[in-house]
Amino acid sequence: RRRLAHMRKWIPVLLLFFLMTLLPAMAQQEYTIDPQTGT
């Protein structure tokens, strides 16, 4: 139980880290670009 309680404390931190790493990639996926012209 003690170890399980300790692990539960880290779940929100890990989720936040995961979301922060995905947000820039998600924002870029909103656009498609022509790599030749930068349009």
PDB file of all heavy atoms in Angstrom:
ATOM      1  N   ARG A   1       0.813  -1.220   0.000  1.00  0.00           N
ATOM      2  CA  ARG A   1       0.000   0.000   0.000  1.00  0.00           C
ATOM      3  C   ARG A   1       0.841   1.263   0.000  1.00  0.00           C
ATOM      4  O   ARG A   1       0.520   2.235  -0.672  1.00  0.00           O
ATOM      5  CB  ARG A   1      -0.936   0.019   1.197  1.00  0.00           C
ATOM      6  CG  ARG A   1      -2.060  -0.925   1.071  1.00  0.00           C
ATOM      7  CD  ARG A   1      -2.989  -0.754   2.226  1.00  0.00           C
ATOM      8  NE  ARG A   1      -3.893  -1.877   2.260  1.00  0.00           N
ATOM      9  CZ  ARG A   1      -5.098  -1.825   2.739  1.00  0.00           C
ATOM     10  NH1 ARG A   1      -5.544  -0.711   3.253  1.00  0.00           N
ATOM     11  NH2 ARG A   1      -5.863  -2.882   2.714  1.00  0.00           N
ATOM     12  N   ARG A   2       1.896   1.275   0.781  1.00  0.00           N
ATOM     13  CA  ARG A   2       2.758   2.463   0.859  1.00  0.00           C
ATOM     14  C   ARG A   2       3.358   2.790  -0.507  1.00  0.00           C
ATOM     15  O   ARG A   2       3.379   3.927  -0.941  1.00  0.00           O
ATOM     16  CB  ARG A   2       3.857   2.238   1.889  1.00  0.00           C
ATOM     17  CG  ARG A   2       4.815   3.410   1.975  1.00  0.00           C
ATOM     18  CD  ARG A   2       5.889   3.161   2.961  1.00  0.00           C
ATOM     19  NE  ARG A   2       5.409   3.608   4.272  1.00  0.00           N
ATOM     20  CZ  ARG A   2       6.030   3.413   5.394  1.00  0.00           C
ATOM     21  NH1 ARG A   2       7.160   2.725   5.398  1.00  0.00           N
ATOM     22  NH2 ARG A   2       5.558   3.858   6.517  1.00  0.00           N
ATOM     23  N   ARG A   3       3.821   1.780  -1.173  1.00  0.00           N
ATOM     24  CA  ARG A   3       4.410   1.980  -2.504  1.00  0.00           C
ATOM     25  C   ARG A   3       3.347   2.416  -3.514  1.00  0.00           C
ATOM     26  O   ARG A   3       3.574   3.265  -4.363  1.00  0.00           O
ATOM     27  CB  ARG A   3       5.082   0.708  -2.969  1.00  0.00           C
ATOM     28  CG  ARG A   3       5.857   0.895  -4.225  1.00  0.00           C
ATOM     29  CD  ARG A   3       6.721  -0.279  -4.464  1.00  0.00           C
ATOM     30  NE  ARG A   3       7.878   0.167  -5.196  1.00  0.00           N
ATOM     31  CZ  ARG A   3       8.685  -0.642  -5.815  1.00  0.00           C
ATOM     32  NH1 ARG A   3       8.497  -1.934  -5.725  1.00  0.00           N
ATOM     33  NH2 ARG A   3       9.696  -0.187  -6.478  1.00  0.00           N
ATOM     34  N   LEU A   4       2.161   1.834  -3.428  1.00  0.00           N
ATOM     35  CA  LEU A   4       1.058   2.187  -4.308  1.00  0.00           C
ATOM     36  C   LEU A   4       0.658   3.650  -4.113  1.00  0.00           C
ATOM     37  O   LEU A   4       0.440   4.386  -5.076  1.00  0.00           O
ATOM     38  CB  LEU A   4      -0.127   1.261  -4.049  1.00  0.00           C
ATOM     39  CG  LEU A   4      -1.293   1.349  -5.017  1.00  0.00           C
ATOM     40  CD1 LEU A   4      -0.830   1.056  -6.431  1.00  0.00           C
ATOM     41  CD2 LEU A   4      -2.391   0.387  -4.610  1.00  0.00           C
ATOM     42  N   ALA A   5       0.599   4.111  -2.876  1.00  0.00           N
ATOM     43  CA  ALA A   5       0.279   5.515  -2.586  1.00  0.00           C
ATOM     44  C   ALA A   5       1.353   6.431  -3.167  1.00  0.00           C
ATOM     45  O   ALA A   5       1.053   7.497  -3.720  1.00  0.00           O
ATOM     46  CB  ALA A   5       0.142   5.723  -1.080  1.00  0.00           C
ATOM     47  N   HIS A   6       2.599   6.031  -3.055  1.00  0.00           N
ATOM     48  CA  HIS A   6       3.698   6.834  -3.614  1.00  0.00           C
ATOM     49  C   HIS A   6       3.587   6.912  -5.140  1.00  0.00           C
ATOM     50  O   HIS A   6       3.801   7.971  -5.732  1.00  0.00           O
ATOM     51  CB  HIS A   6       5.031   6.210  -3.198  1.00  0.00           C
ATOM     52  CG  HIS A   6       6.215   6.946  -3.715  1.00  0.00           C
ATOM     53  ND1 HIS A   6       6.581   8.176  -3.223  1.00  0.00           N
ATOM     54  CD2 HIS A   6       7.108   6.640  -4.692  1.00  0.00           C
ATOM     55  CE1 HIS A   6       7.654   8.601  -3.879  1.00  0.00           C
ATOM     56  NE2 HIS A   6       7.993   7.675  -4.768  1.00  0.00           N
ATOM     57  N   MET A   7       3.227   5.822  -5.768  1.00  0.00           N
ATOM     58  CA  MET A   7       3.086   5.792  -7.227  1.00  0.00           C
ATOM     59  C   MET A   7       1.929   6.677  -7.680  1.00  0.00           C
ATOM     60  O   MET A   7       2.032   7.357  -8.702  1.00  0.00           O
ATOM     61  CB  MET A   7       2.877   4.350  -7.711  1.00  0.00           C
ATOM     62  CG  MET A   7       4.123   3.488  -7.600  1.00  0.00           C
ATOM     63  SD  MET A   7       3.862   1.731  -7.918  1.00  0.00           S
ATOM     64  CE  MET A   7       3.153   1.746  -9.528  1.00  0.00           C
ATOM     65  N   ARG A   8       0.842   6.699  -6.924  1.00  0.00           N
ATOM     66  CA  ARG A   8      -0.313   7.518  -7.278  1.00  0.00           C
ATOM     67  C   ARG A   8       0.018   9.004  -7.272  1.00  0.00           C
ATOM     68  O   ARG A   8      -0.576   9.771  -8.000  1.00  0.00           O
ATOM     69  CB  ARG A   8      -1.472   7.234  -6.329  1.00  0.00           C
ATOM     70  CG  ARG A   8      -2.153   5.943  -6.614  1.00  0.00           C
ATOM     71  CD  ARG A   8      -3.388   5.785  -5.767  1.00  0.00           C
ATOM     72  NE  ARG A   8      -3.998   4.499  -6.014  1.00  0.00           N
ATOM     73  CZ  ARG A   8      -4.589   3.770  -5.098  1.00  0.00           C
ATOM     74  NH1 ARG A   8      -4.675   4.214  -3.852  1.00  0.00           N
ATOM     75  NH2 ARG A   8      -5.109   2.616  -5.408  1.00  0.00           N
ATOM     76  N   LYS A   9       0.947   9.413  -6.420  1.00  0.00           N
ATOM     77  CA  LYS A   9       1.353  10.823  -6.368  1.00  0.00           C
ATOM     78  C   LYS A   9       2.031  11.260  -7.666  1.00  0.00           C
ATOM     79  O   LYS A   9       1.961  12.409  -8.050  1.00  0.00           O
ATOM     80  CB  LYS A   9       2.294  11.079  -5.197  1.00  0.00           C
ATOM     81  CG  LYS A   9       1.626  10.991  -3.854  1.00  0.00           C
ATOM     82  CD  LYS A   9       2.628  11.228  -2.743  1.00  0.00           C
ATOM     83  CE  LYS A   9       1.986  11.046  -1.390  1.00  0.00           C
ATOM     84  NZ  LYS A   9       2.961  11.215  -0.301  1.00  0.00           N
ATOM     85  N   TRP A  10       2.682  10.340  -8.315  1.00  0.00           N
ATOM     86  CA  TRP A  10       3.433  10.681  -9.528  1.00  0.00           C
ATOM     87  C   TRP A  10       2.581  10.662 -10.793  1.00  0.00           C
ATOM     88  O   TRP A  10       2.978  11.210 -11.817  1.00  0.00           O
ATOM     89  CB  TRP A  10       4.618   9.732  -9.690  1.00  0.00           C
ATOM     90  CG  TRP A  10       5.729  10.105  -8.769  1.00  0.00           C
ATOM     91  CD1 TRP A  10       6.042   9.531  -7.585  1.00  0.00           C
ATOM     92  CD2 TRP A  10       6.652  11.169  -8.951  1.00  0.00           C
ATOM     93  NE1 TRP A  10       7.100  10.165  -7.003  1.00  0.00           N
ATOM     94  CE2 TRP A  10       7.504  11.183  -7.836  1.00  0.00           C
ATOM     95  CE3 TRP A  10       6.845  12.118  -9.946  1.00  0.00           C
ATOM     96  CZ2 TRP A  10       8.525  12.095  -7.689  1.00  0.00           C
ATOM     97  CZ3 TRP A  10       7.869  13.032  -9.803  1.00  0.00           C
ATOM     98  CH2 TRP A  10       8.689  13.019  -8.688  1.00  0.00           C
ATOM     99  N   ILE A  11       1.427  10.049 -10.752  1.00  0.00           N
ATOM    100  CA  ILE A  11       0.586   9.938 -11.952  1.00  0.00           C
ATOM    101  C   ILE A  11       0.220  11.305 -12.525  1.00  0.00           C
ATOM    102  O   ILE A  11       0.411  11.536 -13.725  1.00  0.00           O
ATOM    103  CB  ILE A  11      -0.651   9.056 -11.679  1.00  0.00           C
ATOM    104  CG1 ILE A  11      -0.207   7.605 -11.517  1.00  0.00           C
ATOM    105  CG2 ILE A  11      -1.672   9.183 -12.808  1.00  0.00           C
ATOM    106  CD1 ILE A  11      -1.308   6.654 -11.090  1.00  0.00           C
ATOM    107  N   PRO A  12      -0.264  12.293 -11.733  1.00  0.00           N
ATOM    108  CA  PRO A  12      -0.575  13.612 -12.315  1.00  0.00           C
ATOM    109  C   PRO A  12       0.649  14.298 -12.908  1.00  0.00           C
ATOM    110  O   PRO A  12       0.561  14.936 -13.956  1.00  0.00           O
ATOM    111  CB  PRO A  12      -1.131  14.410 -11.134  1.00  0.00           C
ATOM    112  CG  PRO A  12      -1.582  13.401 -10.142  1.00  0.00           C
ATOM    113  CD  PRO A  12      -0.685  12.218 -10.325  1.00  0.00           C
ATOM    114  N   VAL A  13       1.795  14.151 -12.280  1.00  0.00           N
ATOM    115  CA  VAL A  13       3.019  14.765 -12.793  1.00  0.00           C
ATOM    116  C   VAL A  13       3.391  14.156 -14.140  1.00  0.00           C
ATOM    117  O   VAL A  13       3.732  14.866 -15.093  1.00  0.00           O
ATOM    118  CB  VAL A  13       4.171  14.610 -11.779  1.00  0.00           C
ATOM    119  CG1 VAL A  13       5.487  15.090 -12.357  1.00  0.00           C
ATOM    120  CG2 VAL A  13       3.844  15.347 -10.481  1.00  0.00           C
ATOM    121  N   LEU A  14       3.315  12.852 -14.227  1.00  0.00           N
ATOM    122  CA  LEU A  14       3.641  12.176 -15.481  1.00  0.00           C
ATOM    123  C   LEU A  14       2.654  12.533 -16.588  1.00  0.00           C
ATOM    124  O   LEU A  14       3.052  12.741 -17.740  1.00  0.00           O
ATOM    125  CB  LEU A  14       3.691  10.663 -15.277  1.00  0.00           C
ATOM    126  CG  LEU A  14       4.849  10.164 -14.404  1.00  0.00           C
ATOM    127  CD1 LEU A  14       4.694   8.672 -14.118  1.00  0.00           C
ATOM    128  CD2 LEU A  14       6.175  10.459 -15.047  1.00  0.00           C
ATOM    129  N   LEU A  15       1.375  12.631 -16.250  1.00  0.00           N
ATOM    130  CA  LEU A  15       0.375  13.025 -17.246  1.00  0.00           C
ATOM    131  C   LEU A  15       0.626  14.440 -17.747  1.00  0.00           C
ATOM    132  O   LEU A  15       0.531  14.707 -18.942  1.00  0.00           O
ATOM    133  CB  LEU A  15      -1.034  12.908 -16.666  1.00  0.00           C
ATOM    134  CG  LEU A  15      -1.583  11.497 -16.529  1.00  0.00           C
ATOM    135  CD1 LEU A  15      -2.925  11.516 -15.813  1.00  0.00           C
ATOM    136  CD2 LEU A  15      -1.726  10.852 -17.890  1.00  0.00           C
ATOM    137  N   LEU A  16       0.938  15.358 -16.840  1.00  0.00           N
ATOM    138  CA  LEU A  16       1.231  16.731 -17.229  1.00  0.00           C
ATOM    139  C   LEU A  16       2.444  16.786 -18.150  1.00  0.00           C
ATOM    140  O   LEU A  16       2.435  17.470 -19.168  1.00  0.00           O
ATOM    141  CB  LEU A  16       1.451  17.595 -15.987  1.00  0.00           C
ATOM    142  CG  LEU A  16       1.745  19.064 -16.243  1.00  0.00           C
ATOM    143  CD1 LEU A  16       0.565  19.726 -16.957  1.00  0.00           C
ATOM    144  CD2 LEU A  16       2.034  19.781 -14.945  1.00  0.00           C
ATOM    145  N   PHE A  17       3.495  16.062 -17.797  1.00  0.00           N
ATOM    146  CA  PHE A  17       4.688  16.016 -18.638  1.00  0.00           C
ATOM    147  C   PHE A  17       4.356  15.471 -20.024  1.00  0.00           C
ATOM    148  O   PHE A  17       4.780  16.023 -21.042  1.00  0.00           O
ATOM    149  CB  PHE A  17       5.764  15.150 -17.977  1.00  0.00           C
ATOM    150  CG  PHE A  17       6.985  14.968 -18.826  1.00  0.00           C
ATOM    151  CD1 PHE A  17       7.913  15.986 -18.966  1.00  0.00           C
ATOM    152  CD2 PHE A  17       7.200  13.778 -19.508  1.00  0.00           C
ATOM    153  CE1 PHE A  17       9.028  15.830 -19.770  1.00  0.00           C
ATOM    154  CE2 PHE A  17       8.307  13.610 -20.308  1.00  0.00           C
ATOM    155  CZ  PHE A  17       9.224  14.637 -20.434  1.00  0.00           C
ATOM    156  N   PHE A  18       3.580  14.418 -20.070  1.00  0.00           N
ATOM    157  CA  PHE A  18       3.188  13.807 -21.330  1.00  0.00           C
ATOM    158  C   PHE A  18       2.418  14.803 -22.199  1.00  0.00           C
ATOM    159  O   PHE A  18       2.689  14.960 -23.388  1.00  0.00           O
ATOM    160  CB  PHE A  18       2.352  12.556 -21.059  1.00  0.00           C
ATOM    161  CG  PHE A  18       1.875  11.850 -22.284  1.00  0.00           C
ATOM    162  CD1 PHE A  18       2.761  11.152 -23.089  1.00  0.00           C
ATOM    163  CD2 PHE A  18       0.539  11.880 -22.646  1.00  0.00           C
ATOM    164  CE1 PHE A  18       2.322  10.493 -24.226  1.00  0.00           C
ATOM    165  CE2 PHE A  18       0.101  11.231 -23.778  1.00  0.00           C
ATOM    166  CZ  PHE A  18       0.991  10.533 -24.574  1.00  0.00           C
ATOM    167  N   LEU A  19       1.451  15.509 -21.611  1.00  0.00           N
ATOM    168  CA  LEU A  19       0.664  16.494 -22.356  1.00  0.00           C
ATOM    169  C   LEU A  19       1.519  17.655 -22.842  1.00  0.00           C
ATOM    170  O   LEU A  19       1.346  18.144 -23.953  1.00  0.00           O
ATOM    171  CB  LEU A  19      -0.491  17.011 -21.502  1.00  0.00           C
ATOM    172  CG  LEU A  19      -1.624  16.022 -21.282  1.00  0.00           C
ATOM    173  CD1 LEU A  19      -2.641  16.595 -20.304  1.00  0.00           C
ATOM    174  CD2 LEU A  19      -2.290  15.664 -22.592  1.00  0.00           C
ATOM    175  N   MET A  20       2.448  18.109 -22.021  1.00  0.00           N
ATOM    176  CA  MET A  20       3.308  19.233 -22.421  1.00  0.00           C
ATOM    177  C   MET A  20       4.207  18.863 -23.594  1.00  0.00           C
ATOM    178  O   MET A  20       4.519  19.708 -24.421  1.00  0.00           O
ATOM    179  CB  MET A  20       4.136  19.715 -21.233  1.00  0.00           C
ATOM    180  CG  MET A  20       3.302  20.442 -20.198  1.00  0.00           C
ATOM    181  SD  MET A  20       4.228  20.944 -18.745  1.00  0.00           S
ATOM    182  CE  MET A  20       5.413  22.051 -19.486  1.00  0.00           C
ATOM    183  N   THR A  21       4.612  17.632 -23.672  1.00  0.00           N
ATOM    184  CA  THR A  21       5.446  17.223 -24.808  1.00  0.00           C
ATOM    185  C   THR A  21       4.628  17.047 -26.076  1.00  0.00           C
ATOM    186  O   THR A  21       5.146  17.199 -27.176  1.00  0.00           O
ATOM    187  CB  THR A  21       6.213  15.920 -24.504  1.00  0.00           C
ATOM    188  OG1 THR A  21       5.286  14.900 -24.167  1.00  0.00           O
ATOM    189  CG2 THR A  21       7.205  16.114 -23.372  1.00  0.00           C
ATOM    190  N   LEU A  22       3.335  16.759 -25.933  1.00  0.00           N
ATOM    191  CA  LEU A  22       2.484  16.565 -27.104  1.00  0.00           C
ATOM    192  C   LEU A  22       1.936  17.864 -27.681  1.00  0.00           C
ATOM    193  O   LEU A  22       1.685  17.948 -28.877  1.00  0.00           O
ATOM    194  CB  LEU A  22       1.300  15.665 -26.755  1.00  0.00           C
ATOM    195  CG  LEU A  22       1.577  14.184 -26.677  1.00  0.00           C
ATOM    196  CD1 LEU A  22       0.307  13.437 -26.326  1.00  0.00           C
ATOM    197  CD2 LEU A  22       2.133  13.663 -27.980  1.00  0.00           C
ATOM    198  N   LEU A  23       1.717  18.896 -26.859  1.00  0.00           N
ATOM    199  CA  LEU A  23       1.058  20.120 -27.328  1.00  0.00           C
ATOM    200  C   LEU A  23       1.749  20.775 -28.518  1.00  0.00           C
ATOM    201  O   LEU A  23       1.079  21.117 -29.487  1.00  0.00           O
ATOM    202  CB  LEU A  23       0.884  21.106 -26.175  1.00  0.00           C
ATOM    203  CG  LEU A  23      -0.218  20.724 -25.194  1.00  0.00           C
ATOM    204  CD1 LEU A  23      -0.280  21.736 -24.056  1.00  0.00           C
ATOM    205  CD2 LEU A  23      -1.558  20.603 -25.869  1.00  0.00           C
ATOM    206  N   PRO A  24       3.070  20.992 -28.508  1.00  0.00           N
ATOM    207  CA  PRO A  24       3.684  21.589 -29.699  1.00  0.00           C
ATOM    208  C   PRO A  24       3.480  20.747 -30.956  1.00  0.00           C
ATOM    209  O   PRO A  24       3.211  21.274 -32.028  1.00  0.00           O
ATOM    210  CB  PRO A  24       5.171  21.690 -29.337  1.00  0.00           C
ATOM    211  CG  PRO A  24       5.200  21.699 -27.854  1.00  0.00           C
ATOM    212  CD  PRO A  24       4.035  20.836 -27.426  1.00  0.00           C
ATOM    213  N   ALA A  25       3.579  19.456 -30.827  1.00  0.00           N
ATOM    214  CA  ALA A  25       3.371  18.582 -31.987  1.00  0.00           C
ATOM    215  C   ALA A  25       1.924  18.649 -32.455  1.00  0.00           C
ATOM    216  O   ALA A  25       1.650  18.654 -33.648  1.00  0.00           O
ATOM    217  CB  ALA A  25       3.748  17.147 -31.631  1.00  0.00           C
ATOM    218  N   MET A  26       0.982  18.728 -31.505  1.00  0.00           N
ATOM    219  CA  MET A  26      -0.428  18.809 -31.881  1.00  0.00           C
ATOM    220  C   MET A  26      -0.708  20.119 -32.609  1.00  0.00           C
ATOM    221  O   MET A  26      -1.461  20.143 -33.573  1.00  0.00           O
ATOM    222  CB  MET A  26      -1.311  18.683 -30.642  1.00  0.00           C
ATOM    223  CG  MET A  26      -1.337  17.277 -30.071  1.00  0.00           C
ATOM    224  SD  MET A  26      -2.147  17.159 -28.467  1.00  0.00           S
ATOM    225  CE  MET A  26      -3.754  17.807 -28.820  1.00  0.00           C
ATOM    226  N   ALA A  27      -0.117  21.219 -32.156  1.00  0.00           N
ATOM    227  CA  ALA A  27      -0.323  22.510 -32.806  1.00  0.00           C
ATOM    228  C   ALA A  27       0.194  22.467 -34.242  1.00  0.00           C
ATOM    229  O   ALA A  27      -0.422  23.015 -35.143  1.00  0.00           O
ATOM    230  CB  ALA A  27       0.361  23.621 -32.022  1.00  0.00           C
ATOM    231  N   GLN A  28       1.341  21.816 -34.458  1.00  0.00           N
ATOM    232  CA  GLN A  28       1.873  21.731 -35.811  1.00  0.00           C
ATOM    233  C   GLN A  28       1.027  20.826 -36.691  1.00  0.00           C
ATOM    234  O   GLN A  28       0.951  21.024 -37.890  1.00  0.00           O
ATOM    235  CB  GLN A  28       3.313  21.240 -35.774  1.00  0.00           C
ATOM    236  CG  GLN A  28       4.262  22.293 -35.290  1.00  0.00           C
ATOM    237  CD  GLN A  28       5.701  21.935 -35.545  1.00  0.00           C
ATOM    238  OE1 GLN A  28       6.004  20.943 -36.193  1.00  0.00           O
ATOM    239  NE2 GLN A  28       6.594  22.754 -35.042  1.00  0.00           N
ATOM    240  N   GLN A  29       0.367  19.843 -36.107  1.00  0.00           N
ATOM    241  CA  GLN A  29      -0.465  18.955 -36.903  1.00  0.00           C
ATOM    242  C   GLN A  29      -1.736  19.635 -37.388  1.00  0.00           C
ATOM    243  O   GLN A  29      -2.428  19.105 -38.232  1.00  0.00           O
ATOM    244  CB  GLN A  29      -0.811  17.700 -36.106  1.00  0.00           C
ATOM    245  CG  GLN A  29       0.380  16.798 -35.913  1.00  0.00           C
ATOM    246  CD  GLN A  29       0.051  15.598 -35.061  1.00  0.00           C
ATOM    247  OE1 GLN A  29      -1.013  15.488 -34.475  1.00  0.00           O
ATOM    248  NE2 GLN A  29       0.987  14.672 -34.981  1.00  0.00           N
ATOM    249  N   GLU A  30      -2.030  20.827 -36.866  1.00  0.00           N
ATOM    250  CA  GLU A  30      -3.195  21.576 -37.338  1.00  0.00           C
ATOM    251  C   GLU A  30      -2.957  22.141 -38.734  1.00  0.00           C
ATOM    252  O   GLU A  30      -3.900  22.550 -39.391  1.00  0.00           O
ATOM    253  CB  GLU A  30      -3.503  22.727 -36.378  1.00  0.00           C
ATOM    254  CG  GLU A  30      -3.945  22.279 -35.019  1.00  0.00           C
ATOM    255  CD  GLU A  30      -4.166  23.435 -34.059  1.00  0.00           C
ATOM    256  OE1 GLU A  30      -3.703  24.568 -34.333  1.00  0.00           O
ATOM    257  OE2 GLU A  30      -4.800  23.205 -33.028  1.00  0.00           O
ATOM    258  N   TYR A  31      -1.712  22.170 -39.174  1.00  0.00           N
ATOM    259  CA  TYR A  31      -1.355  22.759 -40.462  1.00  0.00           C
ATOM    260  C   TYR A  31      -0.664  21.743 -41.344  1.00  0.00           C
ATOM    261  O   TYR A  31       0.032  20.870 -40.853  1.00  0.00           O
ATOM    262  CB  TYR A  31      -0.374  23.932 -40.260  1.00  0.00           C
ATOM    263  CG  TYR A  31      -0.938  25.066 -39.456  1.00  0.00           C
ATOM    264  CD1 TYR A  31      -0.754  25.137 -38.088  1.00  0.00           C
ATOM    265  CD2 TYR A  31      -1.655  26.089 -40.073  1.00  0.00           C
ATOM    266  CE1 TYR A  31      -1.274  26.187 -37.344  1.00  0.00           C
ATOM    267  CE2 TYR A  31      -2.172  27.142 -39.340  1.00  0.00           C
ATOM    268  CZ  TYR A  31      -1.979  27.180 -37.972  1.00  0.00           C
ATOM    269  OH  TYR A  31      -2.498  28.214 -37.248  1.00  0.00           O
ATOM    270  N   THR A  32      -0.856  21.889 -42.652  1.00  0.00           N
ATOM    271  CA  THR A  32      -0.012  21.181 -43.607  1.00  0.00           C
ATOM    272  C   THR A  32       0.763  22.250 -44.357  1.00  0.00           C
ATOM    273  O   THR A  32       0.277  23.354 -44.581  1.00  0.00           O
ATOM    274  CB  THR A  32      -0.821  20.319 -44.599  1.00  0.00           C
ATOM    275  OG1 THR A  32      -1.759  21.141 -45.279  1.00  0.00           O
ATOM    276  CG2 THR A  32      -1.542  19.198 -43.881  1.00  0.00           C
ATOM    277  N   ILE A  33       1.984  21.922 -44.718  1.00  0.00           N
ATOM    278  CA  ILE A  33       2.875  22.898 -45.357  1.00  0.00           C
ATOM    279  C   ILE A  33       3.504  22.299 -46.598  1.00  0.00           C
ATOM    280  O   ILE A  33       3.774  21.089 -46.652  1.00  0.00           O
ATOM    281  CB  ILE A  33       3.961  23.362 -44.358  1.00  0.00           C
ATOM    282  CG1 ILE A  33       4.725  24.572 -44.883  1.00  0.00           C
ATOM    283  CG2 ILE A  33       4.886  22.224 -43.966  1.00  0.00           C
ATOM    284  CD1 ILE A  33       5.551  25.301 -43.846  1.00  0.00           C
ATOM    285  N   ASP A  34       3.700  23.148 -47.592  1.00  0.00           N
ATOM    286  CA  ASP A  34       4.457  22.746 -48.778  1.00  0.00           C
ATOM    287  C   ASP A  34       5.929  22.923 -48.421  1.00  0.00           C
ATOM    288  O   ASP A  34       6.387  24.054 -48.240  1.00  0.00           O
ATOM    289  CB  ASP A  34       4.077  23.636 -49.963  1.00  0.00           C
ATOM    290  CG  ASP A  34       4.831  23.297 -51.225  1.00  0.00           C
ATOM    291  OD1 ASP A  34       5.945  22.720 -51.150  1.00  0.00           O
ATOM    292  OD2 ASP A  34       4.334  23.632 -52.312  1.00  0.00           O
ATOM    293  N   PRO A  35       6.687  21.836 -48.298  1.00  0.00           N
ATOM    294  CA  PRO A  35       8.072  21.954 -47.856  1.00  0.00           C
ATOM    295  C   PRO A  35       8.986  22.678 -48.849  1.00  0.00           C
ATOM    296  O   PRO A  35      10.036  23.182 -48.472  1.00  0.00           O
ATOM    297  CB  PRO A  35       8.519  20.502 -47.646  1.00  0.00           C
ATOM    298  CG  PRO A  35       7.585  19.686 -48.461  1.00  0.00           C
ATOM    299  CD  PRO A  35       6.298  20.453 -48.534  1.00  0.00           C
ATOM    300  N   GLN A  36       8.575  22.748 -50.108  1.00  0.00           N
ATOM    301  CA  GLN A  36       9.389  23.427 -51.126  1.00  0.00           C
ATOM    302  C   GLN A  36       9.290  24.951 -51.012  1.00  0.00           C
ATOM    303  O   GLN A  36      10.276  25.654 -51.220  1.00  0.00           O
ATOM    304  CB  GLN A  36       8.960  22.995 -52.532  1.00  0.00           C
ATOM    305  CG  GLN A  36       8.994  21.503 -52.763  1.00  0.00           C
ATOM    306  CD  GLN A  36      10.380  20.911 -52.579  1.00  0.00           C
ATOM    307  OE1 GLN A  36      11.367  21.478 -53.022  1.00  0.00           O
ATOM    308  NE2 GLN A  36      10.458  19.787 -51.897  1.00  0.00           N
ATOM    309  N   THR A  37       8.086  25.447 -50.675  1.00  0.00           N
ATOM    310  CA  THR A  37       7.854  26.893 -50.679  1.00  0.00           C
ATOM    311  C   THR A  37       7.640  27.490 -49.288  1.00  0.00           C
ATOM    312  O   THR A  37       7.665  28.706 -49.139  1.00  0.00           O
ATOM    313  CB  THR A  37       6.618  27.239 -51.528  1.00  0.00           C
ATOM    314  OG1 THR A  37       5.461  26.642 -50.924  1.00  0.00           O
ATOM    315  CG2 THR A  37       6.778  26.754 -52.954  1.00  0.00           C
ATOM    316  N   GLY A  38       7.392  26.654 -48.296  1.00  0.00           N
ATOM    317  CA  GLY A  38       7.096  27.155 -46.964  1.00  0.00           C
ATOM    318  C   GLY A  38       5.697  27.747 -46.864  1.00  0.00           C
ATOM    319  O   GLY A  38       5.418  28.571 -45.995  1.00  0.00           O
ATOM    320  N   THR A  39       4.799  27.321 -47.753  1.00  0.00           N
ATOM    321  CA  THR A  39       3.426  27.833 -47.785  1.00  0.00           C
ATOM    322  C   THR A  39       2.501  26.921 -46.997  1.00  0.00           C
ATOM    323  O   THR A  39       2.448  25.719 -47.259  1.00  0.00           O
ATOM    324  CB  THR A  39       2.919  27.937 -49.235  1.00  0.00           C
ATOM    325  OG1 THR A  39       3.787  28.796 -49.971  1.00  0.00           O
ATOM    326  CG2 THR A  39       1.497  28.464 -49.295  1.00  0.00           C
TER     327      THR A  39
END
